[in-house]
Amino acid sequence: MAEKILIPLDGSNVGEAALSYVKELVSKLSPQAKVEITLLQVVSPLTHYVFAGEAMAPTPYTDQEIEQNKKQAMGYLKKASKGLRSQGVTVKTKIVIGSAAEEIISVADEINADLIAMSTHGRSGISRWAFGSITGRVLRGGHKPVLVVRAPKKTA
């Protein structure tokens, strides 16, 4: 039976911190260990902002824009999976539309993941309050173990 790991990615270098950690972890497992990794990206159906002069207005994505976002996400996930595939790992990709934390929890249950490996920005204080924490919501709301990898801080 394969160990199933879900890695949600958001397309950022910060989000990829967990990916690097899982690559290293897989390389340390015995050759007999079968690992199946699902790379997930959640596409938001919500709004983007349209600017007109100094004013801005929230605008829902059109179906065409959502499809374009899904295509970009698939390209990104295929690129992100190359390093894992070269290690002989079975990699699946999945794109869903919705709220990130809720969809991560749902997909983890759907694929019966043994582990969710995800990165955190490491925000605290007011920025955490303002932006929220998807990782925190997955930790509190999910039923699967979560490996949290803090993204390295950029050095000047």
C-alpha atoms as a PDB file:
ATOM      1  CA  MET A   1       0.000   0.000   0.000  1.00  0.00           C
ATOM      2  CA  ALA A   2       1.297   3.462  -0.897  1.00  0.00           C
ATOM      3  CA  GLU A   3       1.706   6.295   1.537  1.00  0.00           C
ATOM      4  CA  LYS A   4      -0.416   9.150   0.245  1.00  0.00           C
ATOM      5  CA  ILE A   5       0.802  12.704   0.724  1.00  0.00           C
ATOM      6  CA  LEU A   6      -1.156  15.794  -0.279  1.00  0.00           C
ATOM      7  CA  ILE A   7       0.889  18.919  -1.011  1.00  0.00           C
ATOM      8  CA  PRO A   8      -1.164  22.055  -1.612  1.00  0.00           C
ATOM      9  CA  LEU A   9       0.762  24.622  -3.661  1.00  0.00           C
ATOM     10  CA  ASP A  10      -0.178  28.214  -4.346  1.00  0.00           C
ATOM     11  CA  GLY A  11       2.358  28.979  -7.067  1.00  0.00           C
ATOM     12  CA  SER A  12       4.717  30.894  -4.787  1.00  0.00           C
ATOM     13  CA  ASN A  13       8.245  30.128  -3.610  1.00  0.00           C
ATOM     14  CA  VAL A  14       6.907  30.198  -0.064  1.00  0.00           C
ATOM     15  CA  GLY A  15       4.366  27.515  -0.928  1.00  0.00           C
ATOM     16  CA  GLU A  16       7.090  25.325  -2.396  1.00  0.00           C
ATOM     17  CA  ALA A  17       9.004  25.055   0.900  1.00  0.00           C
ATOM     18  CA  ALA A  18       6.981  21.945   1.780  1.00  0.00           C
ATOM     19  CA  LEU A  19       7.647  20.476  -1.658  1.00  0.00           C
ATOM     20  CA  SER A  20      11.408  20.606  -1.106  1.00  0.00           C
ATOM     21  CA  TYR A  21      11.062  19.045   2.321  1.00  0.00           C
ATOM     22  CA  VAL A  22       8.912  16.179   1.014  1.00  0.00           C
ATOM     23  CA  LYS A  23      11.413  15.526  -1.821  1.00  0.00           C
ATOM     24  CA  GLU A  24      14.142  15.132   0.778  1.00  0.00           C
ATOM     25  CA  LEU A  25      11.935  12.954   2.979  1.00  0.00           C
ATOM     26  CA  VAL A  26      11.054  10.639   0.080  1.00  0.00           C
ATOM     27  CA  SER A  27      14.726  10.257  -0.858  1.00  0.00           C
ATOM     28  CA  LYS A  28      15.437   8.980   2.670  1.00  0.00           C
ATOM     29  CA  LEU A  29      12.731   6.300   2.582  1.00  0.00           C
ATOM     30  CA  SER A  30      13.595   2.733   1.744  1.00  0.00           C
ATOM     31  CA  PRO A  31      13.405   1.782  -1.937  1.00  0.00           C
ATOM     32  CA  GLN A  32      10.471  -0.515  -1.136  1.00  0.00           C
ATOM     33  CA  ALA A  33       8.386   2.351   0.240  1.00  0.00           C
ATOM     34  CA  LYS A  34       5.703   3.336  -2.240  1.00  0.00           C
ATOM     35  CA  VAL A  35       4.735   6.961  -2.093  1.00  0.00           C
ATOM     36  CA  GLU A  36       1.908   8.630  -3.974  1.00  0.00           C
ATOM     37  CA  ILE A  37       1.920  12.403  -3.921  1.00  0.00           C
ATOM     38  CA  THR A  38      -0.963  14.590  -5.002  1.00  0.00           C
ATOM     39  CA  LEU A  39      -0.053  18.160  -5.831  1.00  0.00           C
ATOM     40  CA  LEU A  40      -3.071  20.403  -5.365  1.00  0.00           C
ATOM     41  CA  GLN A  41      -3.792  23.930  -6.407  1.00  0.00           C
ATOM     42  CA  VAL A  42      -6.994  25.679  -5.429  1.00  0.00           C
ATOM     43  CA  VAL A  43      -8.259  28.274  -7.887  1.00  0.00           C
ATOM     44  CA  SER A  44     -10.380  30.993  -6.356  1.00  0.00           C
ATOM     45  CA  PRO A  45     -13.762  31.627  -7.947  1.00  0.00           C
ATOM     46  CA  LEU A  46     -14.045  34.921  -6.148  1.00  0.00           C
ATOM     47  CA  THR A  47     -13.133  38.327  -7.344  1.00  0.00           C
ATOM     48  CA  HIS A  48     -10.247  40.275  -8.665  1.00  0.00           C
ATOM     49  CA  TYR A  49     -10.073  44.018  -8.662  1.00  0.00           C
ATOM     50  CA  VAL A  50     -10.593  46.252 -11.664  1.00  0.00           C
ATOM     51  CA  PHE A  51      -9.018  49.679 -11.417  1.00  0.00           C
ATOM     52  CA  ALA A  52     -10.475  52.747 -13.077  1.00  0.00           C
ATOM     53  CA  GLY A  53      -8.371  55.742 -12.271  1.00  0.00           C
ATOM     54  CA  GLU A  54      -8.141  55.917  -8.506  1.00  0.00           C
ATOM     55  CA  ALA A  55     -11.212  53.771  -7.915  1.00  0.00           C
ATOM     56  CA  MET A  56     -11.259  49.998  -7.731  1.00  0.00           C
ATOM     57  CA  ALA A  57     -14.149  47.596  -7.834  1.00  0.00           C
ATOM     58  CA  PRO A  58     -14.284  43.888  -6.982  1.00  0.00           C
ATOM     59  CA  THR A  59     -15.304  41.900 -10.047  1.00  0.00           C
ATOM     60  CA  PRO A  60     -16.163  38.187 -10.189  1.00  0.00           C
ATOM     61  CA  TYR A  61     -14.002  36.054 -12.453  1.00  0.00           C
ATOM     62  CA  THR A  62     -15.693  35.049 -15.680  1.00  0.00           C
ATOM     63  CA  ASP A  63     -15.880  31.382 -16.682  1.00  0.00           C
ATOM     64  CA  GLN A  64     -13.211  32.090 -19.286  1.00  0.00           C
ATOM     65  CA  GLU A  65     -10.892  33.636 -16.664  1.00  0.00           C
ATOM     66  CA  ILE A  66     -11.416  30.665 -14.343  1.00  0.00           C
ATOM     67  CA  GLU A  67     -10.545  28.260 -17.187  1.00  0.00           C
ATOM     68  CA  GLN A  68      -7.409  30.286 -17.957  1.00  0.00           C
ATOM     69  CA  ASN A  69      -6.426  30.191 -14.270  1.00  0.00           C
ATOM     70  CA  LYS A  70      -6.939  26.417 -14.260  1.00  0.00           C
ATOM     71  CA  LYS A  71      -4.702  26.006 -17.334  1.00  0.00           C
ATOM     72  CA  GLN A  72      -1.964  28.085 -15.705  1.00  0.00           C
ATOM     73  CA  ALA A  73      -2.305  26.049 -12.518  1.00  0.00           C
ATOM     74  CA  MET A  74      -1.962  22.764 -14.442  1.00  0.00           C
ATOM     75  CA  GLY A  75       1.203  23.992 -16.154  1.00  0.00           C
ATOM     76  CA  TYR A  76       2.631  25.021 -12.806  1.00  0.00           C
ATOM     77  CA  LEU A  77       1.776  21.689 -11.143  1.00  0.00           C
ATOM     78  CA  LYS A  78       3.328  19.695 -14.007  1.00  0.00           C
ATOM     79  CA  LYS A  79       6.518  21.707 -13.670  1.00  0.00           C
ATOM     80  CA  ALA A  80       6.518  21.305  -9.874  1.00  0.00           C
ATOM     81  CA  SER A  81       6.094  17.524 -10.171  1.00  0.00           C
ATOM     82  CA  LYS A  82       9.206  16.899 -12.292  1.00  0.00           C
ATOM     83  CA  GLY A  83      11.633  16.588  -9.376  1.00  0.00           C
ATOM     84  CA  LEU A  84       9.396  14.106  -7.590  1.00  0.00           C
ATOM     85  CA  ARG A  85       8.793  12.016 -10.692  1.00  0.00           C
ATOM     86  CA  SER A  86      12.553  11.760 -11.230  1.00  0.00           C
ATOM     87  CA  GLN A  87      12.727  10.060  -7.808  1.00  0.00           C
ATOM     88  CA  GLY A  88      10.304   7.382  -8.966  1.00  0.00           C
ATOM     89  CA  VAL A  89       7.380   8.755  -6.988  1.00  0.00           C
ATOM     90  CA  THR A  90       3.857   8.476  -8.346  1.00  0.00           C
ATOM     91  CA  VAL A  91       2.631  12.049  -8.700  1.00  0.00           C
ATOM     92  CA  LYS A  92      -0.923  13.108  -9.378  1.00  0.00           C
ATOM     93  CA  THR A  93      -2.099  16.652  -9.929  1.00  0.00           C
ATOM     94  CA  LYS A  94      -5.444  18.094  -9.002  1.00  0.00           C
ATOM     95  CA  ILE A  95      -7.005  21.505  -9.478  1.00  0.00           C
ATOM     96  CA  VAL A  96     -10.173  22.496  -7.689  1.00  0.00           C
ATOM     97  CA  ILE A  97     -12.165  25.696  -7.456  1.00  0.00           C
ATOM     98  CA  GLY A  98     -13.170  27.080  -4.095  1.00  0.00           C
ATOM     99  CA  SER A  99     -11.921  28.243  -0.724  1.00  0.00           C
ATOM    100  CA  ALA A 100      -8.341  27.064  -0.160  1.00  0.00           C
ATOM    101  CA  ALA A 101      -8.593  25.640   3.375  1.00  0.00           C
ATOM    102  CA  GLU A 102     -11.943  23.941   2.792  1.00  0.00           C
ATOM    103  CA  GLU A 103     -10.799  22.400  -0.494  1.00  0.00           C
ATOM    104  CA  ILE A 104      -7.509  21.151   0.980  1.00  0.00           C
ATOM    105  CA  ILE A 105      -9.401  19.377   3.760  1.00  0.00           C
ATOM    106  CA  SER A 106     -11.926  17.982   1.287  1.00  0.00           C
ATOM    107  CA  VAL A 107      -9.305  16.656  -1.144  1.00  0.00           C
ATOM    108  CA  ALA A 108      -7.291  15.111   1.721  1.00  0.00           C
ATOM    109  CA  ASP A 109     -10.397  13.172   2.741  1.00  0.00           C
ATOM    110  CA  GLU A 110     -11.265  12.321  -0.869  1.00  0.00           C
ATOM    111  CA  ILE A 111      -7.862  10.776  -1.645  1.00  0.00           C
ATOM    112  CA  ASN A 112      -7.542   9.315   1.858  1.00  0.00           C
ATOM    113  CA  ALA A 113      -4.240  11.123   2.418  1.00  0.00           C
ATOM    114  CA  ASP A 114      -1.964   9.859   5.158  1.00  0.00           C
ATOM    115  CA  LEU A 115      -0.376  13.298   5.466  1.00  0.00           C
ATOM    116  CA  ILE A 116      -0.873  16.872   4.316  1.00  0.00           C
ATOM    117  CA  ALA A 117       2.454  18.679   3.847  1.00  0.00           C
ATOM    118  CA  MET A 118       2.161  22.414   3.503  1.00  0.00           C
ATOM    119  CA  SER A 119       4.110  25.592   3.987  1.00  0.00           C
ATOM    120  CA  THR A 120       3.369  28.554   6.148  1.00  0.00           C
ATOM    121  CA  HIS A 121       4.386  32.151   5.677  1.00  0.00           C
ATOM    122  CA  GLY A 122       5.149  32.369   9.391  1.00  0.00           C
ATOM    123  CA  ARG A 123       3.096  35.514   9.830  1.00  0.00           C
ATOM    124  CA  SER A 124       2.252  36.688  13.286  1.00  0.00           C
ATOM    125  CA  GLY A 125       0.463  39.557  14.920  1.00  0.00           C
ATOM    126  CA  ILE A 126      -1.535  41.941  12.809  1.00  0.00           C
ATOM    127  CA  SER A 127      -0.475  40.506   9.434  1.00  0.00           C
ATOM    128  CA  ARG A 128      -1.743  37.066  10.495  1.00  0.00           C
ATOM    129  CA  TRP A 129      -4.995  38.631  11.612  1.00  0.00           C
ATOM    130  CA  ALA A 130      -5.320  40.622   8.373  1.00  0.00           C
ATOM    131  CA  PHE A 131      -4.435  37.826   5.939  1.00  0.00           C
ATOM    132  CA  GLY A 132      -5.586  34.810   7.930  1.00  0.00           C
ATOM    133  CA  SER A 133      -3.841  31.497   7.857  1.00  0.00           C
ATOM    134  CA  ILE A 134      -4.871  28.772   5.462  1.00  0.00           C
ATOM    135  CA  THR A 135      -2.458  26.421   7.200  1.00  0.00           C
ATOM    136  CA  GLY A 136      -4.029  27.238  10.553  1.00  0.00           C
ATOM    137  CA  ARG A 137      -7.513  26.573   9.226  1.00  0.00           C
ATOM    138  CA  VAL A 138      -6.399  23.217   7.799  1.00  0.00           C
ATOM    139  CA  LEU A 139      -4.794  22.307  11.137  1.00  0.00           C
ATOM    140  CA  ARG A 140      -7.944  23.167  13.086  1.00  0.00           C
ATOM    141  CA  GLY A 141     -10.547  21.928  10.620  1.00  0.00           C
ATOM    142  CA  GLY A 142      -9.065  18.803   9.096  1.00  0.00           C
ATOM    143  CA  HIS A 143      -8.864  15.203  10.174  1.00  0.00           C
ATOM    144  CA  LYS A 144      -5.472  14.310   8.708  1.00  0.00           C
ATOM    145  CA  PRO A 145      -1.981  14.829  10.140  1.00  0.00           C
ATOM    146  CA  VAL A 146      -0.369  18.013   8.835  1.00  0.00           C
ATOM    147  CA  LEU A 147       3.354  18.574   8.355  1.00  0.00           C
ATOM    148  CA  VAL A 148       3.933  22.324   8.480  1.00  0.00           C
ATOM    149  CA  VAL A 149       7.120  23.667   6.944  1.00  0.00           C
ATOM    150  CA  ARG A 150       8.019  27.263   7.624  1.00  0.00           C
ATOM    151  CA  ALA A 151       9.230  28.965   4.484  1.00  0.00           C
ATOM    152  CA  PRO A 152      12.734  30.371   4.797  1.00  0.00           C
ATOM    153  CA  LYS A 153      12.884  34.085   5.343  1.00  0.00           C
ATOM    154  CA  LYS A 154      14.377  36.052   2.493  1.00  0.00           C
ATOM    155  CA  THR A 155      17.733  37.561   3.272  1.00  0.00           C
ATOM    156  CA  ALA A 156      18.721  40.884   1.877  1.00  0.00           C
END
